[in-house]
PDB file of N, CA and C in Angstrom:
ATOM      1  N   MET A   1     113.585 -48.277 107.645  1.00  0.00           N
ATOM      2  CA  MET A   1     112.909 -48.993 108.707  1.00  0.00           C
ATOM      3  C   MET A   1     112.612 -50.422 108.266  1.00  0.00           C
ATOM      4  N   ALA A   2     112.237 -50.583 106.999  1.00  0.00           N
ATOM      5  CA  ALA A   2     111.910 -51.917 106.509  1.00  0.00           C
ATOM      6  C   ALA A   2     113.142 -52.807 106.481  1.00  0.00           C
ATOM      7  N   SER A   3     114.305 -52.220 106.179  1.00  0.00           N
ATOM      8  CA  SER A   3     115.519 -53.041 106.130  1.00  0.00           C
ATOM      9  C   SER A   3     115.890 -53.543 107.519  1.00  0.00           C
ATOM     10  N   TYR A   4     115.589 -52.743 108.550  1.00  0.00           N
ATOM     11  CA  TYR A   4     115.861 -53.211 109.902  1.00  0.00           C
ATOM     12  C   TYR A   4     115.004 -54.434 110.228  1.00  0.00           C
ATOM     13  N   LYS A   5     113.742 -54.378 109.844  1.00  0.00           N
ATOM     14  CA  LYS A   5     112.858 -55.513 110.106  1.00  0.00           C
ATOM     15  C   LYS A   5     113.257 -56.714 109.263  1.00  0.00           C
ATOM     16  N   ARG A   6     113.623 -56.473 108.009  1.00  0.00           N
ATOM     17  CA  ARG A   6     113.982 -57.559 107.105  1.00  0.00           C
ATOM     18  C   ARG A   6     115.269 -58.263 107.568  1.00  0.00           C
ATOM     19  N   ASN A   7     116.198 -57.530 108.159  1.00  0.00           N
ATOM     20  CA  ASN A   7     117.477 -58.106 108.588  1.00  0.00           C
ATOM     21  C   ASN A   7     117.495 -58.489 110.062  1.00  0.00           C
ATOM     22  N   ASN A   8     116.328 -58.609 110.647  1.00  0.00           N
ATOM     23  CA  ASN A   8     116.167 -59.087 112.027  1.00  0.00           C
ATOM     24  C   ASN A   8     116.848 -58.190 113.057  1.00  0.00           C
ATOM     25  N   TYR A   9     116.624 -56.895 112.965  1.00  0.00           N
ATOM     26  CA  TYR A   9     117.112 -55.973 113.981  1.00  0.00           C
ATOM     27  C   TYR A   9     115.945 -55.605 114.873  1.00  0.00           C
ATOM     28  N   LYS A  10     116.228 -55.331 116.129  1.00  0.00           N
ATOM     29  CA  LYS A  10     115.195 -54.824 117.019  1.00  0.00           C
ATOM     30  C   LYS A  10     115.735 -53.594 117.738  1.00  0.00           C
ATOM     31  N   TYR A  11     114.841 -52.719 118.125  1.00  0.00           N
ATOM     32  CA  TYR A  11     115.234 -51.472 118.768  1.00  0.00           C
ATOM     33  C   TYR A  11     115.470 -51.723 120.243  1.00  0.00           C
ATOM     34  N   VAL A  12     116.688 -51.378 120.710  1.00  0.00           N
ATOM     35  CA  VAL A  12     117.040 -51.558 122.115  1.00  0.00           C
ATOM     36  C   VAL A  12     117.627 -50.250 122.623  1.00  0.00           C
ATOM     37  N   ALA A  13     116.934 -49.541 123.471  1.00  0.00           N
ATOM     38  CA  ALA A  13     117.393 -48.353 124.197  1.00  0.00           C
ATOM     39  C   ALA A  13     118.362 -47.475 123.414  1.00  0.00           C
ATOM     40  N   GLY A  14     117.881 -46.822 122.381  1.00  0.00           N
ATOM     41  CA  GLY A  14     118.693 -45.847 121.674  1.00  0.00           C
ATOM     42  C   GLY A  14     119.344 -46.322 120.399  1.00  0.00           C
ATOM     43  N   HIS A  15     119.311 -47.593 120.100  1.00  0.00           N
ATOM     44  CA  HIS A  15     119.920 -48.088 118.860  1.00  0.00           C
ATOM     45  C   HIS A  15     119.273 -49.411 118.460  1.00  0.00           C
ATOM     46  N   TYR A  16     119.557 -49.831 117.251  1.00  0.00           N
ATOM     47  CA  TYR A  16     119.056 -51.111 116.761  1.00  0.00           C
ATOM     48  C   TYR A  16     120.112 -52.183 116.991  1.00  0.00           C
ATOM     49  N   GLN A  17     119.633 -53.378 117.364  1.00  0.00           N
ATOM     50  CA  GLN A  17     120.534 -54.493 117.638  1.00  0.00           C
ATOM     51  C   GLN A  17     120.002 -55.718 116.913  1.00  0.00           C
ATOM     52  N   ARG A  18     120.910 -56.481 116.386  1.00  0.00           N
ATOM     53  CA  ARG A  18     120.504 -57.679 115.669  1.00  0.00           C
ATOM     54  C   ARG A  18     120.041 -58.734 116.672  1.00  0.00           C
ATOM     55  N   ASP A  19     119.007 -59.486 116.318  1.00  0.00           N
ATOM     56  CA  ASP A  19     118.478 -60.498 117.228  1.00  0.00           C
ATOM     57  C   ASP A  19     119.478 -61.613 117.471  1.00  0.00           C
ATOM     58  N   GLU A  20     120.108 -62.081 116.435  1.00  0.00           N
ATOM     59  CA  GLU A  20     121.061 -63.175 116.616  1.00  0.00           C
ATOM     60  C   GLU A  20     122.450 -62.593 116.858  1.00  0.00           C
ATOM     61  N   ILE A  21     123.127 -63.127 117.817  1.00  0.00           N
ATOM     62  CA  ILE A  21     124.457 -62.649 118.180  1.00  0.00           C
ATOM     63  C   ILE A  21     125.489 -63.566 117.542  1.00  0.00           C
ATOM     64  N   VAL A  22     126.459 -62.972 116.880  1.00  0.00           N
ATOM     65  CA  VAL A  22     127.516 -63.757 116.241  1.00  0.00           C
ATOM     66  C   VAL A  22     128.532 -64.136 117.307  1.00  0.00           C
ATOM     67  N   LYS A  23     128.839 -65.419 117.391  1.00  0.00           N
ATOM     68  CA  LYS A  23     129.786 -65.885 118.401  1.00  0.00           C
ATOM     69  C   LYS A  23     131.204 -65.555 117.970  1.00  0.00           C
ATOM     70  N   LYS A  24     132.035 -65.216 118.938  1.00  0.00           N
ATOM     71  CA  LYS A  24     133.416 -64.849 118.647  1.00  0.00           C
ATOM     72  C   LYS A  24     134.230 -66.037 118.153  1.00  0.00           C
ATOM     73  N   GLU A  25     133.816 -67.223 118.512  1.00  0.00           N
ATOM     74  CA  GLU A  25     134.576 -68.408 118.098  1.00  0.00           C
ATOM     75  C   GLU A  25     134.508 -68.611 116.589  1.00  0.00           C
ATOM     76  N   ASN A  26     133.423 -68.181 115.972  1.00  0.00           N
ATOM     77  CA  ASN A  26     133.255 -68.389 114.538  1.00  0.00           C
ATOM     78  C   ASN A  26     133.990 -67.350 113.691  1.00  0.00           C
ATOM     79  N   LEU A  27     134.434 -66.284 114.312  1.00  0.00           N
ATOM     80  CA  LEU A  27     135.114 -65.234 113.563  1.00  0.00           C
ATOM     81  C   LEU A  27     136.541 -65.648 113.242  1.00  0.00           C
ATOM     82  N   SER A  28     136.997 -65.289 112.064  1.00  0.00           N
ATOM     83  CA  SER A  28     138.368 -65.634 111.696  1.00  0.00           C
ATOM     84  C   SER A  28     139.322 -64.582 112.239  1.00  0.00           C
ATOM     85  N   ALA A  29     140.450 -65.032 112.715  1.00  0.00           N
ATOM     86  CA  ALA A  29     141.464 -64.133 113.256  1.00  0.00           C
ATOM     87  C   ALA A  29     142.332 -63.620 112.113  1.00  0.00           C
ATOM     88  N   PRO A  30     142.834 -62.412 112.216  1.00  0.00           N
ATOM     89  CA  PRO A  30     143.719 -61.903 111.167  1.00  0.00           C
ATOM     90  C   PRO A  30     145.024 -62.691 111.141  1.00  0.00           C
ATOM     91  N   ALA A  31     145.568 -62.810 109.958  1.00  0.00           N
ATOM     92  CA  ALA A  31     146.822 -63.546 109.820  1.00  0.00           C
ATOM     93  C   ALA A  31     147.935 -62.774 110.508  1.00  0.00           C
ATOM     94  N   ASN A  32     148.774 -63.494 111.236  1.00  0.00           N
ATOM     95  CA  ASN A  32     149.889 -62.852 111.927  1.00  0.00           C
ATOM     96  C   ASN A  32     150.942 -62.425 110.919  1.00  0.00           C
ATOM     97  N   GLN A  33     151.339 -61.184 111.017  1.00  0.00           N
ATOM     98  CA  GLN A  33     152.388 -60.672 110.153  1.00  0.00           C
ATOM     99  C   GLN A  33     153.475 -60.100 111.037  1.00  0.00           C
ATOM    100  N   LYS A  34     154.665 -60.234 110.582  1.00  0.00           N
ATOM    101  CA  LYS A  34     155.756 -59.632 111.338  1.00  0.00           C
ATOM    102  C   LYS A  34     155.775 -58.146 111.012  1.00  0.00           C
ATOM    103  N   THR A  35     155.536 -57.345 112.030  1.00  0.00           N
ATOM    104  CA  THR A  35     155.455 -55.907 111.802  1.00  0.00           C
ATOM    105  C   THR A  35     156.813 -55.313 111.482  1.00  0.00           C
ATOM    106  N   GLU A  36     157.861 -55.928 111.956  1.00  0.00           N
ATOM    107  CA  GLU A  36     159.197 -55.395 111.688  1.00  0.00           C
ATOM    108  C   GLU A  36     159.507 -55.438 110.198  1.00  0.00           C
ATOM    109  N   LYS A  37     159.057 -56.474 109.508  1.00  0.00           N
ATOM    110  CA  LYS A  37     159.337 -56.588 108.086  1.00  0.00           C
ATOM    111  C   LYS A  37     158.381 -55.733 107.256  1.00  0.00           C
ATOM    112  N   SER A  38     157.175 -55.506 107.756  1.00  0.00           N
ATOM    113  CA  SER A  38     156.204 -54.762 106.968  1.00  0.00           C
ATOM    114  C   SER A  38     156.435 -53.254 107.032  1.00  0.00           C
ATOM    115  N   LEU A  39     157.055 -52.761 108.100  1.00  0.00           N
ATOM    116  CA  LEU A  39     157.302 -51.333 108.225  1.00  0.00           C
ATOM    117  C   LEU A  39     158.664 -50.970 107.651  1.00  0.00           C
ATOM    118  N   PRO A  40     158.769 -49.825 106.957  1.00  0.00           N
ATOM    119  CA  PRO A  40     160.072 -49.416 106.445  1.00  0.00           C
ATOM    120  C   PRO A  40     161.013 -49.056 107.595  1.00  0.00           C
ATOM    121  N   THR A  41     162.264 -49.318 107.387  1.00  0.00           N
ATOM    122  CA  THR A  41     163.243 -49.089 108.449  1.00  0.00           C
ATOM    123  C   THR A  41     163.748 -47.657 108.416  1.00  0.00           C
ATOM    124  N   HIS A  42     164.526 -47.344 109.415  1.00  0.00           N
ATOM    125  CA  HIS A  42     165.110 -46.011 109.538  1.00  0.00           C
ATOM    126  C   HIS A  42     166.061 -45.725 108.382  1.00  0.00           C
ATOM    127  N   ASP A  43     166.723 -46.752 107.867  1.00  0.00           N
ATOM    128  CA  ASP A  43     167.673 -46.563 106.768  1.00  0.00           C
ATOM    129  C   ASP A  43     166.976 -46.050 105.510  1.00  0.00           C
ATOM    130  N   VAL A  44     165.764 -46.531 105.267  1.00  0.00           N
ATOM    131  CA  VAL A  44     165.024 -46.085 104.085  1.00  0.00           C
ATOM    132  C   VAL A  44     164.738 -44.592 104.192  1.00  0.00           C
ATOM    133  N   TYR A  45     164.299 -44.153 105.367  1.00  0.00           N
ATOM    134  CA  TYR A  45     164.018 -42.740 105.566  1.00  0.00           C
ATOM    135  C   TYR A  45     165.292 -41.909 105.492  1.00  0.00           C
ATOM    136  N   ALA A  46     166.388 -42.427 106.018  1.00  0.00           N
ATOM    137  CA  ALA A  46     167.655 -41.698 105.971  1.00  0.00           C
ATOM    138  C   ALA A  46     168.113 -41.510 104.530  1.00  0.00           C
ATOM    139  N   ARG A  47     167.941 -42.521 103.687  1.00  0.00           N
ATOM    140  CA  ARG A  47     168.321 -42.395 102.278  1.00  0.00           C
ATOM    141  C   ARG A  47     167.452 -41.364 101.561  1.00  0.00           C
ATOM    142  N   LYS A  48     166.168 -41.324 101.913  1.00  0.00           N
ATOM    143  CA  LYS A  48     165.282 -40.341 101.290  1.00  0.00           C
ATOM    144  C   LYS A  48     165.653 -38.924 101.718  1.00  0.00           C
ATOM    145  N   MET A  49     166.015 -38.741 102.965  1.00  0.00           N
ATOM    146  CA  MET A  49     166.374 -37.417 103.458  1.00  0.00           C
ATOM    147  C   MET A  49     167.686 -36.938 102.859  1.00  0.00           C
ATOM    148  N   ASN A  50     168.583 -37.842 102.506  1.00  0.00           N
ATOM    149  CA  ASN A  50     169.830 -37.443 101.865  1.00  0.00           C
ATOM    150  C   ASN A  50     169.564 -36.886 100.475  1.00  0.00           C
ATOM    151  N   GLY A  51     168.451 -37.247  99.872  1.00  0.00           N
ATOM    152  CA  GLY A  51     168.108 -36.763  98.542  1.00  0.00           C
ATOM    153  C   GLY A  51     167.660 -35.310  98.536  1.00  0.00           C
ATOM    154  N   VAL A  52     167.296 -34.750  99.683  1.00  0.00           N
ATOM    155  CA  VAL A  52     166.867 -33.364  99.768  1.00  0.00           C
ATOM    156  C   VAL A  52     168.109 -32.499  99.906  1.00  0.00           C
ATOM    157  N   ASN A  53     168.254 -31.534  99.006  1.00  0.00           N
ATOM    158  CA  ASN A  53     169.417 -30.659  99.087  1.00  0.00           C
ATOM    159  C   ASN A  53     168.979 -29.206  98.962  1.00  0.00           C
ATOM    160  N   ALA A  54     169.931 -28.302  99.090  1.00  0.00           N
ATOM    161  CA  ALA A  54     169.629 -26.871  99.105  1.00  0.00           C
ATOM    162  C   ALA A  54     169.091 -26.393  97.762  1.00  0.00           C
ATOM    163  N   SER A  55     169.575 -26.952  96.675  1.00  0.00           N
ATOM    164  CA  SER A  55     169.111 -26.480  95.367  1.00  0.00           C
ATOM    165  C   SER A  55     167.641 -26.819  95.139  1.00  0.00           C
ATOM    166  N   SER A  56     167.197 -27.976  95.626  1.00  0.00           N
ATOM    167  CA  SER A  56     165.779 -28.315  95.453  1.00  0.00           C
ATOM    168  C   SER A  56     164.893 -27.407  96.299  1.00  0.00           C
ATOM    169  N   ILE A  57     165.358 -27.047  97.481  1.00  0.00           N
ATOM    170  CA  ILE A  57     164.589 -26.134  98.330  1.00  0.00           C
ATOM    171  C   ILE A  57     164.557 -24.742  97.703  1.00  0.00           C
ATOM    172  N   THR A  58     165.687 -24.313  97.124  1.00  0.00           N
ATOM    173  CA  THR A  58     165.743 -23.014  96.453  1.00  0.00           C
ATOM    174  C   THR A  58     164.799 -22.985  95.261  1.00  0.00           C
ATOM    175  N   ASN A  59     164.806 -24.044  94.480  1.00  0.00           N
ATOM    176  CA  ASN A  59     163.903 -24.122  93.328  1.00  0.00           C
ATOM    177  C   ASN A  59     162.447 -24.070  93.762  1.00  0.00           C
ATOM    178  N   LEU A  60     162.136 -24.739  94.855  1.00  0.00           N
ATOM    179  CA  LEU A  60     160.776 -24.728  95.380  1.00  0.00           C
ATOM    180  C   LEU A  60     160.366 -23.323  95.796  1.00  0.00           C
ATOM    181  N   ALA A  61     161.245 -22.623  96.499  1.00  0.00           N
ATOM    182  CA  ALA A  61     160.939 -21.266  96.956  1.00  0.00           C
ATOM    183  C   ALA A  61     160.770 -20.318  95.773  1.00  0.00           C
ATOM    184  N   LEU A  62     161.654 -20.430  94.780  1.00  0.00           N
ATOM    185  CA  LEU A  62     161.553 -19.560  93.605  1.00  0.00           C
ATOM    186  C   LEU A  62     160.279 -19.840  92.808  1.00  0.00           C
ATOM    187  N   GLY A  63     159.905 -21.094  92.699  1.00  0.00           N
ATOM    188  CA  GLY A  63     158.669 -21.444  92.004  1.00  0.00           C
ATOM    189  C   GLY A  63     157.450 -20.895  92.714  1.00  0.00           C
ATOM    190  N   SER A  64     157.446 -20.987  94.034  1.00  0.00           N
ATOM    191  CA  SER A  64     156.332 -20.463  94.817  1.00  0.00           C
ATOM    192  C   SER A  64     156.252 -18.946  94.684  1.00  0.00           C
ATOM    193  N   LEU A  65     157.405 -18.279  94.719  1.00  0.00           N
ATOM    194  CA  LEU A  65     157.442 -16.827  94.574  1.00  0.00           C
ATOM    195  C   LEU A  65     156.947 -16.402  93.193  1.00  0.00           C
ATOM    196  N   ALA A  66     157.373 -17.114  92.170  1.00  0.00           N
ATOM    197  CA  ALA A  66     156.937 -16.787  90.808  1.00  0.00           C
ATOM    198  C   ALA A  66     155.432 -16.982  90.648  1.00  0.00           C
ATOM    199  N   ALA A  67     154.900 -18.037  91.238  1.00  0.00           N
ATOM    200  CA  ALA A  67     153.462 -18.301  91.133  1.00  0.00           C
ATOM    201  C   ALA A  67     152.651 -17.224  91.842  1.00  0.00           C
ATOM    202  N   SER A  68     153.057 -16.847  93.052  1.00  0.00           N
ATOM    203  CA  SER A  68     152.305 -15.821  93.780  1.00  0.00           C
ATOM    204  C   SER A  68     152.417 -14.468  93.090  1.00  0.00           C
ATOM    205  N   THR A  69     153.586 -14.172  92.493  1.00  0.00           N
ATOM    206  CA  THR A  69     153.744 -12.918  91.748  1.00  0.00           C
ATOM    207  C   THR A  69     152.825 -12.897  90.535  1.00  0.00           C
ATOM    208  N   ALA A  70     152.749 -14.002  89.831  1.00  0.00           N
ATOM    209  CA  ALA A  70     151.877 -14.079  88.657  1.00  0.00           C
ATOM    210  C   ALA A  70     150.414 -13.902  89.048  1.00  0.00           C
ATOM    211  N   ILE A  71     150.009 -14.506  90.146  1.00  0.00           N
ATOM    212  CA  ILE A  71     148.617 -14.393  90.594  1.00  0.00           C
ATOM    213  C   ILE A  71     148.291 -12.956  90.975  1.00  0.00           C
ATOM    214  N   ASN A  72     149.185 -12.317  91.751  1.00  0.00           N
ATOM    215  CA  ASN A  72     148.915 -10.940  92.178  1.00  0.00           C
ATOM    216  C   ASN A  72     148.922  -9.966  91.009  1.00  0.00           C
ATOM    217  N   SER A  73     149.830 -10.154  90.056  1.00  0.00           N
ATOM    218  CA  SER A  73     149.850  -9.245  88.907  1.00  0.00           C
ATOM    219  C   SER A  73     148.604  -9.437  88.044  1.00  0.00           C
ATOM    220  N   ALA A  74     148.134 -10.665  87.906  1.00  0.00           N
ATOM    221  CA  ALA A  74     146.901 -10.907  87.156  1.00  0.00           C
ATOM    222  C   ALA A  74     145.707 -10.252  87.849  1.00  0.00           C
ATOM    223  N   LYS A  75     145.686 -10.289  89.179  1.00  0.00           N
ATOM    224  CA  LYS A  75     144.600  -9.635  89.915  1.00  0.00           C
ATOM    225  C   LYS A  75     144.641  -8.128  89.710  1.00  0.00           C
ATOM    226  N   ARG A  76     145.853  -7.550  89.722  1.00  0.00           N
ATOM    227  CA  ARG A  76     145.976  -6.104  89.529  1.00  0.00           C
ATOM    228  C   ARG A  76     145.513  -5.689  88.139  1.00  0.00           C
ATOM    229  N   ILE A  77     145.786  -6.530  87.143  1.00  0.00           N
ATOM    230  CA  ILE A  77     145.425  -6.179  85.771  1.00  0.00           C
ATOM    231  C   ILE A  77     143.937  -6.398  85.510  1.00  0.00           C
ATOM    232  N   PHE A  78     143.427  -7.577  85.847  1.00  0.00           N
ATOM    233  CA  PHE A  78     142.073  -7.958  85.448  1.00  0.00           C
ATOM    234  C   PHE A  78     140.993  -7.641  86.477  1.00  0.00           C
ATOM    235  N   ALA A  79     141.344  -7.587  87.748  1.00  0.00           N
ATOM    236  CA  ALA A  79     140.332  -7.327  88.782  1.00  0.00           C
ATOM    237  C   ALA A  79     140.925  -6.467  89.894  1.00  0.00           C
ATOM    238  N   PRO A  80     141.204  -5.196  89.621  1.00  0.00           N
ATOM    239  CA  PRO A  80     141.856  -4.368  90.639  1.00  0.00           C
ATOM    240  C   PRO A  80     140.970  -4.078  91.844  1.00  0.00           C
ATOM    241  N   ASN A  81     139.665  -4.192  91.690  1.00  0.00           N
ATOM    242  CA  ASN A  81     138.767  -3.905  92.814  1.00  0.00           C
ATOM    243  C   ASN A  81     138.743  -5.020  93.848  1.00  0.00           C
ATOM    244  N   THR A  82     139.297  -6.162  93.537  1.00  0.00           N
ATOM    245  CA  THR A  82     139.281  -7.272  94.490  1.00  0.00           C
ATOM    246  C   THR A  82     140.487  -7.266  95.414  1.00  0.00           C
ATOM    247  N   LEU A  83     141.455  -6.386  95.154  1.00  0.00           N
ATOM    248  CA  LEU A  83     142.640  -6.321  96.011  1.00  0.00           C
ATOM    249  C   LEU A  83     142.292  -5.635  97.324  1.00  0.00           C
ATOM    250  N   PRO A  84     142.980  -5.955  98.417  1.00  0.00           N
ATOM    251  CA  PRO A  84     142.713  -5.288  99.689  1.00  0.00           C
ATOM    252  C   PRO A  84     143.115  -3.807  99.629  1.00  0.00           C
ATOM    253  N   ALA A  85     142.465  -3.006 100.444  1.00  0.00           N
ATOM    254  CA  ALA A  85     142.728  -1.570 100.450  1.00  0.00           C
ATOM    255  C   ALA A  85     144.093  -1.275 101.050  1.00  0.00           C
ATOM    256  N   SER A  86     144.756  -0.281 100.483  1.00  0.00           N
ATOM    257  CA  SER A  86     146.049   0.145 101.021  1.00  0.00           C
ATOM    258  C   SER A  86     145.830   1.386 101.878  1.00  0.00           C
ATOM    259  N   LYS A  87     146.907   1.869 102.504  1.00  0.00           N
ATOM    260  CA  LYS A  87     146.787   3.044 103.357  1.00  0.00           C
ATOM    261  C   LYS A  87     146.362   4.262 102.536  1.00  0.00           C
ATOM    262  N   GLY A  88     146.870   4.369 101.312  1.00  0.00           N
ATOM    263  CA  GLY A  88     146.496   5.483 100.443  1.00  0.00           C
ATOM    264  C   GLY A  88     145.018   5.466 100.093  1.00  0.00           C
ATOM    265  N   ASP A  89     144.467   4.270  99.887  1.00  0.00           N
ATOM    266  CA  ASP A  89     143.037   4.154  99.580  1.00  0.00           C
ATOM    267  C   ASP A  89     142.189   4.640 100.744  1.00  0.00           C
ATOM    268  N   VAL A  90     142.591   4.307 101.955  1.00  0.00           N
ATOM    269  CA  VAL A  90     141.843   4.719 103.141  1.00  0.00           C
ATOM    270  C   VAL A  90     141.916   6.234 103.302  1.00  0.00           C
ATOM    271  N   GLU A  91     143.084   6.812 103.051  1.00  0.00           N
ATOM    272  CA  GLU A  91     143.232   8.269 103.150  1.00  0.00           C
ATOM    273  C   GLU A  91     142.351   8.983 102.122  1.00  0.00           C
ATOM    274  N   LYS A  92     142.283   8.455 100.898  1.00  0.00           N
ATOM    275  CA  LYS A  92     141.418   9.043  99.867  1.00  0.00           C
ATOM    276  C   LYS A  92     139.958   9.010 100.310  1.00  0.00           C
ATOM    277  N   LEU A  93     139.544   7.872 100.885  1.00  0.00           N
ATOM    278  CA  LEU A  93     138.156   7.752 101.346  1.00  0.00           C
ATOM    279  C   LEU A  93     137.853   8.751 102.454  1.00  0.00           C
ATOM    280  N   LYS A  94     138.788   8.929 103.399  1.00  0.00           N
ATOM    281  CA  LYS A  94     138.580   9.900 104.476  1.00  0.00           C
ATOM    282  C   LYS A  94     138.423  11.308 103.912  1.00  0.00           C
ATOM    283  N   LYS A  95     139.274  11.644 102.941  1.00  0.00           N
ATOM    284  CA  LYS A  95     139.223  12.974 102.329  1.00  0.00           C
ATOM    285  C   LYS A  95     137.886  13.193 101.626  1.00  0.00           C
ATOM    286  N   GLU A  96     137.423  12.200 100.869  1.00  0.00           N
ATOM    287  CA  GLU A  96     136.143  12.321 100.172  1.00  0.00           C
ATOM    288  C   GLU A  96     134.977  12.437 101.147  1.00  0.00           C
ATOM    289  N   ILE A  97     135.026  11.690 102.245  1.00  0.00           N
ATOM    290  CA  ILE A  97     133.953  11.758 103.249  1.00  0.00           C
ATOM    291  C   ILE A  97     133.916  13.145 103.877  1.00  0.00           C
ATOM    292  N   ASN A  98     135.089  13.691 104.199  1.00  0.00           N
ATOM    293  CA  ASN A  98     135.128  15.036 104.785  1.00  0.00           C
ATOM    294  C   ASN A  98     134.605  16.082 103.804  1.00  0.00           C
ATOM    295  N   GLU A  99     134.922  15.941 102.512  1.00  0.00           N
ATOM    296  CA  GLU A  99     134.402  16.867 101.507  1.00  0.00           C
ATOM    297  C   GLU A  99     132.883  16.785 101.426  1.00  0.00           C
ATOM    298  N   LEU A 100     132.343  15.568 101.475  1.00  0.00           N
ATOM    299  CA  LEU A 100     130.885  15.406 101.453  1.00  0.00           C
ATOM    300  C   LEU A 100     130.235  16.022 102.686  1.00  0.00           C
ATOM    301  N   LYS A 101     130.885  15.889 103.841  1.00  0.00           N
ATOM    302  CA  LYS A 101     130.339  16.477 105.066  1.00  0.00           C
ATOM    303  C   LYS A 101     130.277  17.994 104.953  1.00  0.00           C
ATOM    304  N   THR A 102     131.360  18.583 104.436  1.00  0.00           N
ATOM    305  CA  THR A 102     131.364  20.049 104.309  1.00  0.00           C
ATOM    306  C   THR A 102     130.317  20.514 103.302  1.00  0.00           C
ATOM    307  N   LEU A 103     130.140  19.774 102.209  1.00  0.00           N
ATOM    308  CA  LEU A 103     129.099  20.131 101.239  1.00  0.00           C
ATOM    309  C   LEU A 103     127.712  20.057 101.861  1.00  0.00           C
ATOM    310  N   LEU A 104     127.465  19.005 102.635  1.00  0.00           N
ATOM    311  CA  LEU A 104     126.155  18.866 103.284  1.00  0.00           C
ATOM    312  C   LEU A 104     125.926  19.969 104.304  1.00  0.00           C
ATOM    313  N   LYS A 105     126.967  20.335 105.047  1.00  0.00           N
ATOM    314  CA  LYS A 105     126.818  21.409 106.035  1.00  0.00           C
ATOM    315  C   LYS A 105     126.512  22.730 105.347  1.00  0.00           C
ATOM    316  N   SER A 106     127.202  22.993 104.242  1.00  0.00           N
ATOM    317  CA  SER A 106     126.961  24.257 103.534  1.00  0.00           C
ATOM    318  C   SER A 106     125.563  24.279 102.917  1.00  0.00           C
ATOM    319  N   LYS A 107     125.089  23.153 102.408  1.00  0.00           N
ATOM    320  CA  LYS A 107     123.732  23.075 101.851  1.00  0.00           C
ATOM    321  C   LYS A 107     122.690  23.295 102.942  1.00  0.00           C
ATOM    322  N   ASN A 108     122.922  22.677 104.106  1.00  0.00           N
ATOM    323  CA  ASN A 108     121.969  22.814 105.210  1.00  0.00           C
ATOM    324  C   ASN A 108     121.931  24.248 105.713  1.00  0.00           C
ATOM    325  N   GLN A 109     123.081  24.898 105.777  1.00  0.00           N
ATOM    326  CA  GLN A 109     123.117  26.276 106.266  1.00  0.00           C
ATOM    327  C   GLN A 109     122.455  27.220 105.273  1.00  0.00           C
ATOM    328  N   SER A 110     122.661  27.008 103.971  1.00  0.00           N
ATOM    329  CA  SER A 110     122.039  27.882 102.976  1.00  0.00           C
ATOM    330  C   SER A 110     120.531  27.649 102.916  1.00  0.00           C
ATOM    331  N   TRP A 111     120.083  26.460 103.189  1.00  0.00           N
ATOM    332  CA  TRP A 111     118.660  26.156 103.173  1.00  0.00           C
ATOM    333  C   TRP A 111     117.967  26.808 104.364  1.00  0.00           C
ATOM    334  N   MET A 112     118.665  26.836 105.501  1.00  0.00           N
ATOM    335  CA  MET A 112     118.088  27.399 106.713  1.00  0.00           C
ATOM    336  C   MET A 112     117.901  28.908 106.588  1.00  0.00           C
ATOM    337  N   LEU A 113     118.742  29.563 105.823  1.00  0.00           N
ATOM    338  CA  LEU A 113     118.651  31.022 105.687  1.00  0.00           C
ATOM    339  C   LEU A 113     117.511  31.403 104.864  1.00  0.00           C
TER     340      LEU A 113
END
């Protein structure tokens, strides 16, 4: 708040505005540049695209595959509990839950007698 007062700002309907207005005539205009020379041409891009070939794409795919394989195998070895559940895991859980239900039912029935 103090910096607004120190730099001659005043509050005007939702925002602060400087008391003195800078005239547009005093502002310097940007230097004119030819945009055609500053932007790369289509030929430059065409030469770069010719450098991409099938072997580089194959190497990229193989590198990505090797990296993901290494990550997944490390997870299986060092942190197997962090992997997502498979269909077999879900079936094991269902079987264990059903066994617990039958044990609880048998306990409840024997207690009632």
